[in-house]
Protein backbone atom coordinates (compact mmCIF):
# COMPACT_ATOMS: atom_id res chain seq x y z
CA UNK A 1 -0.96 -27.78 9.92
CA UNK A 2 2.11 -27.85 7.67
CA UNK A 3 3.20 -24.74 5.78
CA UNK A 4 2.63 -26.53 2.43
CA UNK A 5 -1.02 -27.22 3.32
CA UNK A 6 -1.37 -23.63 4.61
CA UNK A 7 -0.08 -22.25 1.28
CA UNK A 8 -2.49 -24.48 -0.71
CA UNK A 9 -5.41 -23.34 1.46
CA UNK A 10 -4.43 -19.69 1.09
CA UNK A 11 -4.34 -20.00 -2.74
CA UNK A 12 -7.93 -21.30 -2.84
CA UNK A 13 -9.16 -18.67 -0.34
CA UNK A 14 -7.36 -15.98 -2.33
CA UNK A 15 -9.21 -16.97 -5.53
CA UNK A 16 -12.58 -16.81 -3.68
CA UNK A 17 -11.58 -13.44 -2.19
CA UNK A 18 -10.75 -12.06 -5.65
CA UNK A 19 -14.09 -13.18 -7.10
CA UNK A 20 -15.92 -11.66 -4.10
CA UNK A 21 -14.16 -8.30 -4.63
CA UNK A 22 -14.87 -8.64 -8.37
CA UNK A 23 -18.62 -8.45 -7.62
CA UNK A 24 -18.13 -4.75 -6.83
CA UNK A 25 -14.82 -3.72 -8.45
CA UNK A 26 -14.82 -4.19 -12.22
CA UNK A 27 -11.32 -4.48 -13.74
CA UNK A 28 -8.44 -2.87 -11.78
CA UNK A 29 -7.06 -6.41 -11.40
CA UNK A 30 -3.47 -5.31 -10.86
CA UNK A 31 -4.49 -2.75 -8.21
CA UNK A 32 -6.59 -5.31 -6.30
CA UNK A 33 -3.70 -7.82 -6.41
CA UNK A 34 -1.22 -5.28 -5.06
CA UNK A 35 -3.51 -4.06 -2.26
CA UNK A 36 -4.05 -7.67 -1.14
CA UNK A 37 -0.32 -8.42 -1.42
CA UNK A 38 0.52 -5.43 0.79
CA UNK A 39 -2.05 -6.59 3.37
CA UNK A 40 -0.64 -10.14 3.38
CA UNK A 41 2.85 -8.64 3.93
CA UNK A 42 1.69 -6.19 6.61
CA UNK A 43 2.61 -3.18 4.44
CA UNK A 44 0.88 0.09 3.49
CA UNK A 45 -0.09 1.24 -0.02
CA UNK A 46 -0.40 4.57 -1.82
CA UNK A 47 -3.13 4.57 -4.51
CA UNK A 48 -2.56 7.16 -7.23
CA UNK A 49 -5.27 7.92 -9.76
CA UNK A 50 -7.62 10.58 -11.10
CA UNK A 51 -11.03 11.06 -9.40
CA UNK A 52 -13.75 8.51 -10.14
CA UNK A 53 -11.59 5.39 -10.51
CA UNK A 54 -13.15 3.72 -7.42
CA UNK A 55 -10.11 4.12 -5.16
CA UNK A 56 -12.29 4.63 -2.06
CA UNK A 57 -14.71 1.88 -3.12
CA UNK A 58 -11.78 -0.49 -3.70
CA UNK A 59 -10.44 0.01 -0.16
CA UNK A 60 -13.94 -0.27 1.34
CA UNK A 61 -14.68 -3.49 -0.57
CA UNK A 62 -11.33 -5.06 0.34
CA UNK A 63 -11.89 -4.31 4.06
CA UNK A 64 -15.41 -5.87 3.87
CA UNK A 65 -14.09 -8.99 2.10
CA UNK A 66 -11.32 -9.35 4.71
CA UNK A 67 -13.68 -8.82 7.66
CA UNK A 68 -11.71 -5.82 8.95
CA UNK A 69 -12.82 -2.53 10.59
CA UNK A 70 -12.51 0.36 8.16
CA UNK A 71 -12.31 4.13 8.76
CA UNK A 72 -12.01 6.87 6.16
CA UNK A 73 -10.21 10.13 6.94
CA UNK A 74 -10.69 12.96 4.45
CA UNK A 75 -7.44 14.93 4.47
CA UNK A 76 -7.97 18.69 4.17
CA UNK A 77 -5.67 21.73 4.71
CA UNK A 78 -7.21 22.41 8.15
CA UNK A 79 -7.01 18.81 9.46
CA UNK A 80 -5.10 18.61 12.75
CA UNK A 81 -3.09 15.64 14.14
CA UNK A 82 -5.65 15.28 16.98
CA UNK A 83 -8.39 14.77 14.33
CA UNK A 84 -6.55 11.57 13.34
CA UNK A 85 -5.02 10.31 16.57
CA UNK A 86 -7.62 11.44 19.13
CA UNK A 87 -7.43 13.89 22.02
CA UNK A 88 -7.77 14.20 25.77
CA UNK A 89 -10.86 15.88 27.22
CA UNK A 90 -11.95 16.70 30.77
CA UNK A 91 -14.75 14.38 31.86
CA UNK A 92 -17.47 15.19 34.42
CA UNK A 93 -15.12 14.15 37.29
CA UNK A 94 -12.50 16.71 36.18
CA UNK A 95 -10.23 13.84 35.04
CA UNK A 96 -8.53 13.75 31.65
CA UNK A 97 -10.03 11.07 29.46
CA UNK A 98 -8.59 9.96 26.10
CA UNK A 99 -11.05 9.85 23.18
CA UNK A 100 -9.66 7.61 20.44
CA UNK A 101 -9.44 9.05 16.93
CA UNK A 102 -10.19 7.21 13.65
CA UNK A 103 -6.59 5.85 13.53
CA UNK A 104 -7.77 3.13 15.96
CA UNK A 105 -9.08 0.82 13.24
CA UNK A 106 -7.71 -2.03 11.08
CA UNK A 107 -7.75 -0.29 7.69
CA UNK A 108 -7.38 3.49 7.43
CA UNK A 109 -8.22 5.14 4.14
CA UNK A 110 -6.21 8.37 4.12
CA UNK A 111 -8.14 10.08 1.34
CA UNK A 112 -6.14 12.67 -0.65
CA UNK A 113 -3.25 12.50 1.80
CA UNK A 114 -1.33 15.26 -0.04
CA UNK A 115 -4.07 17.83 0.74
CA UNK A 116 -2.93 18.24 4.37
CA UNK A 117 0.18 20.02 5.74
CA UNK A 118 3.32 18.03 6.75
CA UNK A 119 2.50 18.42 10.47
CA UNK A 120 -0.65 16.32 10.02
CA UNK A 121 0.92 13.92 7.50
CA UNK A 122 3.61 13.23 10.13
CA UNK A 123 0.91 12.14 12.62
CA UNK A 124 0.60 8.99 10.52
CA UNK A 125 4.35 8.23 10.52
CA UNK A 126 4.61 6.68 13.98
CA UNK A 127 1.38 4.73 13.45
CA UNK A 128 2.61 3.35 10.11
CA UNK A 129 6.05 2.36 11.37
CA UNK A 130 5.53 1.42 15.04
CA UNK A 131 1.83 0.43 14.99
CA UNK A 132 1.38 2.74 17.99
CA UNK A 133 0.71 6.42 18.74
CA UNK A 134 1.94 8.79 21.45
CA UNK A 135 -0.47 11.43 22.75
CA UNK A 136 0.37 13.80 25.64
CA UNK A 137 3.24 11.52 26.65
CA UNK A 138 1.04 8.39 26.80
CA UNK A 139 1.73 5.44 24.50
CA UNK A 140 -1.19 3.60 22.86
CA UNK A 141 -0.86 0.37 20.85
CA UNK A 142 -3.02 0.09 17.72
CA UNK A 143 -5.17 -2.96 17.00
CA UNK A 144 -3.52 -5.43 14.64
CA UNK A 145 -3.67 -5.93 11.72
CA UNK A 146 -3.24 -2.23 10.88
CA UNK A 147 -2.88 -0.77 7.38
CA UNK A 148 -2.84 2.70 5.88
CA UNK A 149 -4.13 2.82 2.31
CA UNK A 150 -3.68 6.41 1.13
CA UNK A 151 -5.00 7.98 -2.07
CA UNK A 152 -3.54 10.81 -4.10
CA UNK A 153 -4.82 12.71 -7.13
CA UNK A 154 -1.94 13.11 -9.64
CA UNK A 155 -3.53 15.95 -11.66
CA UNK A 156 -4.50 18.74 -9.31
CA UNK A 157 -1.36 20.00 -7.59
CA UNK A 158 -2.65 23.40 -6.44
CA UNK A 159 -3.01 23.60 -2.67
CA UNK A 160 -1.27 20.27 -2.11
CA UNK A 161 1.70 19.32 0.06
CA UNK A 162 3.80 16.62 -1.65
CA UNK A 163 4.62 13.73 0.70
CA UNK A 164 8.20 13.89 2.02
CA UNK A 165 10.55 11.08 0.94
CA UNK A 166 10.66 9.68 4.51
CA UNK A 167 6.91 9.19 4.48
CA UNK A 168 6.79 7.84 0.92
CA UNK A 169 9.36 5.23 1.95
CA UNK A 170 6.91 3.93 4.59
CA UNK A 171 4.54 2.82 1.82
CA UNK A 172 5.29 -0.64 0.51
CA UNK A 173 3.65 -0.07 -2.89
CA UNK A 174 2.64 2.91 -4.97
CA UNK A 175 -0.25 1.67 -7.09
CA UNK A 176 -1.26 3.59 -10.21
CA UNK A 177 -4.90 3.13 -11.21
CA UNK A 178 -5.74 3.60 -14.86
CA UNK A 179 -8.97 4.30 -16.72
CA UNK A 180 -11.12 1.18 -17.31
CA UNK A 181 -11.40 -0.34 -20.80
CA UNK A 182 -14.57 0.31 -22.85
CA UNK A 183 -16.21 -3.00 -21.84
CA UNK A 184 -15.26 -2.53 -18.18
CA UNK A 185 -16.73 0.96 -18.14
CA UNK A 186 -19.97 -0.34 -19.70
CA UNK A 187 -20.14 -2.94 -16.89
CA UNK A 188 -19.45 -0.28 -14.23
CA UNK A 189 -22.27 1.92 -15.54
CA UNK A 190 -24.70 -1.06 -15.61
CA UNK A 191 -23.79 -2.03 -12.03
CA UNK A 192 -23.95 1.46 -10.54
CA UNK A 193 -27.12 2.81 -12.18
CA UNK A 194 -29.51 0.05 -11.12
CA UNK A 195 -31.07 -0.41 -7.67
CA UNK A 196 -29.45 -3.81 -7.05
CA UNK A 197 -27.32 -3.87 -3.92
CA UNK A 198 -24.23 -6.10 -3.89
CA UNK A 199 -23.36 -7.74 -0.58
CA UNK A 200 -19.71 -8.69 -0.10
CA UNK A 201 -19.05 -11.73 2.10
CA UNK A 202 -15.93 -11.78 4.27
CA UNK A 203 -13.49 -14.65 3.70
CA UNK A 204 -10.95 -13.84 6.41
CA UNK A 205 -10.88 -12.64 9.99
CA UNK A 206 -8.33 -10.30 11.60
CA UNK A 207 -6.66 -13.31 13.28
CA UNK A 208 -6.42 -15.24 9.99
CA UNK A 209 -4.72 -12.29 8.30
CA UNK A 210 -2.12 -12.18 11.09
CA UNK A 211 -1.56 -15.94 10.47
CA UNK A 212 -1.10 -15.25 6.74
CA UNK A 213 1.51 -12.56 7.56
CA UNK A 214 3.42 -15.10 9.69
CA UNK A 215 3.17 -17.69 6.90
CA UNK A 216 4.55 -15.22 4.31
CA UNK A 217 7.55 -14.45 6.54
CA UNK A 218 8.25 -18.19 7.01
CA UNK A 219 8.55 -18.81 3.25
CA UNK A 220 12.20 -19.76 2.49
CA UNK A 221 14.18 -17.66 -0.04
CA UNK A 222 17.37 -18.73 -1.79
CA UNK A 223 20.44 -16.50 -1.51
CA UNK A 224 20.54 -15.78 -5.26
CA UNK A 225 17.02 -14.24 -5.12
CA UNK A 226 17.97 -12.02 -2.15
CA UNK A 227 21.20 -11.00 -3.92
CA UNK A 228 19.22 -10.19 -7.09
CA UNK A 229 16.83 -7.94 -5.11
CA UNK A 230 19.65 -6.14 -3.27
CA UNK A 231 21.62 -5.72 -6.50
CA UNK A 232 18.53 -4.32 -8.27
CA UNK A 233 18.05 -1.70 -5.53
CA UNK A 234 21.79 -0.89 -5.57
CA UNK A 235 21.59 -0.16 -9.31
CA UNK A 236 19.06 2.64 -8.66
CA UNK A 237 21.64 4.69 -6.70
CA UNK A 238 23.35 7.14 -9.09
CA UNK A 239 26.56 7.37 -7.03
CA UNK A 240 27.08 3.60 -6.64
CA UNK A 241 29.47 1.53 -8.80
CA UNK A 242 26.58 -0.70 -9.97
CA UNK A 243 24.53 2.26 -11.34
CA UNK A 244 23.79 2.00 -15.06
CA UNK A 245 24.39 4.85 -17.49
CA UNK A 246 20.64 5.60 -17.62
CA UNK A 247 20.45 5.82 -13.79
CA UNK A 248 23.45 8.19 -13.62
CA UNK A 249 21.96 10.34 -16.34
CA UNK A 250 18.34 10.58 -15.14
CA UNK A 251 18.17 9.99 -11.36
CA UNK A 252 19.02 12.26 -8.42
CA UNK A 253 18.36 9.68 -5.70
CA UNK A 254 18.02 5.92 -5.53
CA UNK A 255 16.07 3.58 -3.25
CA UNK A 256 17.15 2.75 0.31
CA UNK A 257 17.44 -0.59 2.14
CA UNK A 258 13.71 -0.64 2.94
CA UNK A 259 13.14 -1.22 -0.79
CA UNK A 260 15.26 -4.41 -0.66
CA UNK A 261 13.32 -5.68 2.38
CA UNK A 262 9.99 -4.95 0.69
CA UNK A 263 11.06 -6.60 -2.58
CA UNK A 264 11.76 -9.87 -0.77
CA UNK A 265 8.62 -9.73 1.40
CA UNK A 266 6.40 -8.92 -1.59
CA UNK A 267 8.12 -11.61 -3.72
CA UNK A 268 7.33 -14.15 -0.97
CA UNK A 269 3.66 -13.11 -0.92
CA UNK A 270 3.52 -13.10 -4.74
CA UNK A 271 4.95 -16.64 -4.80
CA UNK A 272 2.44 -17.84 -2.17
CA UNK A 273 -0.66 -16.55 -4.00
CA UNK A 274 0.73 -18.10 -7.20
CA UNK A 275 0.87 -21.48 -5.43
CA UNK A 276 4.69 -21.61 -5.15
CA UNK A 277 6.53 -22.56 -1.97
CA UNK A 278 9.52 -20.30 -2.54
CA UNK A 279 9.95 -17.09 -4.59
CA UNK A 280 12.20 -16.87 -7.64
CA UNK A 281 13.63 -13.90 -9.56
CA UNK A 282 10.41 -13.62 -11.61
CA UNK A 283 8.46 -12.89 -8.39
CA UNK A 284 10.90 -10.07 -7.55
CA UNK A 285 10.47 -8.63 -11.06
CA UNK A 286 6.66 -8.83 -10.75
CA UNK A 287 6.63 -6.45 -7.76
CA UNK A 288 9.63 -4.24 -8.64
CA UNK A 289 7.83 -1.31 -10.32
CA UNK A 290 5.25 -0.56 -7.56
CA UNK A 291 7.97 -0.93 -4.89
CA UNK A 292 10.68 1.18 -6.53
CA UNK A 293 8.75 3.87 -8.43
CA UNK A 294 8.04 6.09 -5.38
CA UNK A 295 11.51 5.60 -3.87
CA UNK A 296 13.61 6.97 -6.71
CA UNK A 297 13.79 10.64 -7.70
CA UNK A 298 14.15 11.83 -11.30
CA UNK A 299 16.24 14.88 -12.24
CA UNK A 300 15.36 17.75 -14.59
CA UNK A 301 16.96 16.01 -17.56
CA UNK A 302 14.54 13.07 -17.21
CA UNK A 303 11.59 15.50 -16.97
CA UNK A 304 12.77 17.43 -20.04
CA UNK A 305 13.28 14.30 -22.13
CA UNK A 306 10.02 12.66 -21.03
CA UNK A 307 11.73 9.66 -19.40
CA UNK A 308 9.40 7.99 -16.87
CA UNK A 309 10.32 6.15 -13.68
CA UNK A 310 8.81 2.99 -15.21
CA UNK A 311 11.19 3.31 -18.19
CA UNK A 312 14.17 3.53 -15.82
CA UNK A 313 13.07 0.55 -13.69
CA UNK A 314 12.31 -1.54 -16.81
CA UNK A 315 15.81 -0.80 -18.12
CA UNK A 316 17.22 -2.26 -14.86
CA UNK A 317 14.97 -5.32 -15.05
């Protein structure tokens, strides 16, 4: 099958997938799009929103619609790395036997990831980057596809451990969920207070998603689009020559090379689901805010003057 036909087929399947997810998730269109984009690129996402915005339900519904195995890990201050990765126990023959932890699944929902200490957060790092884990010197490959979709509550910061920059950089997107509109909230209440059960059909298999990831990587990109993405990331670095006045004034740190890679990958996926056979600068702009916002660090002046990360990125765009 040619890549052109594969792209056309993916667009129609994507529309069906969106309507299937829409049976359960009302609104949150941008969040659903970004979660699916990150899955088609093979990336991880950080979902940020106040309690009750259906973050867990969103991840659960997406995994059902994609036909993937789903495990939820509730992150708490006393969670240990072995609770995520698994541990070795002595069996009845006095032999060590490895019991797999919940990380051995296709989609991991790391619920309230900032509630657990850095030692446990770091247990996810190798899995996210290498798609493998090392326990007691033994190396275990994870089943593919593998995604971490983590949630974070932006309000309550007592008893939390902010994610280190190295771990934040492993997430392709940071996705901010907002309150639903009045009509959407009315629909949510109607749907969730009746005894009707909604069944979500799966439109993909694990193998098909791996094929989609290969297709996305095969999409050709012109040099000017790559140069635009790299230049955009370069402008976020306060000490670089390309940095704008606003960046120098309000940022402590800019984004690293992983941001440039993710911009191009996400632009390719964005082009594909829009029915295009190659991304343009508009596709890069469409994914810039969720890719850059968690990779740049504001200074005190920005905090004092109420300048948001979105304002800074929009000024660059």
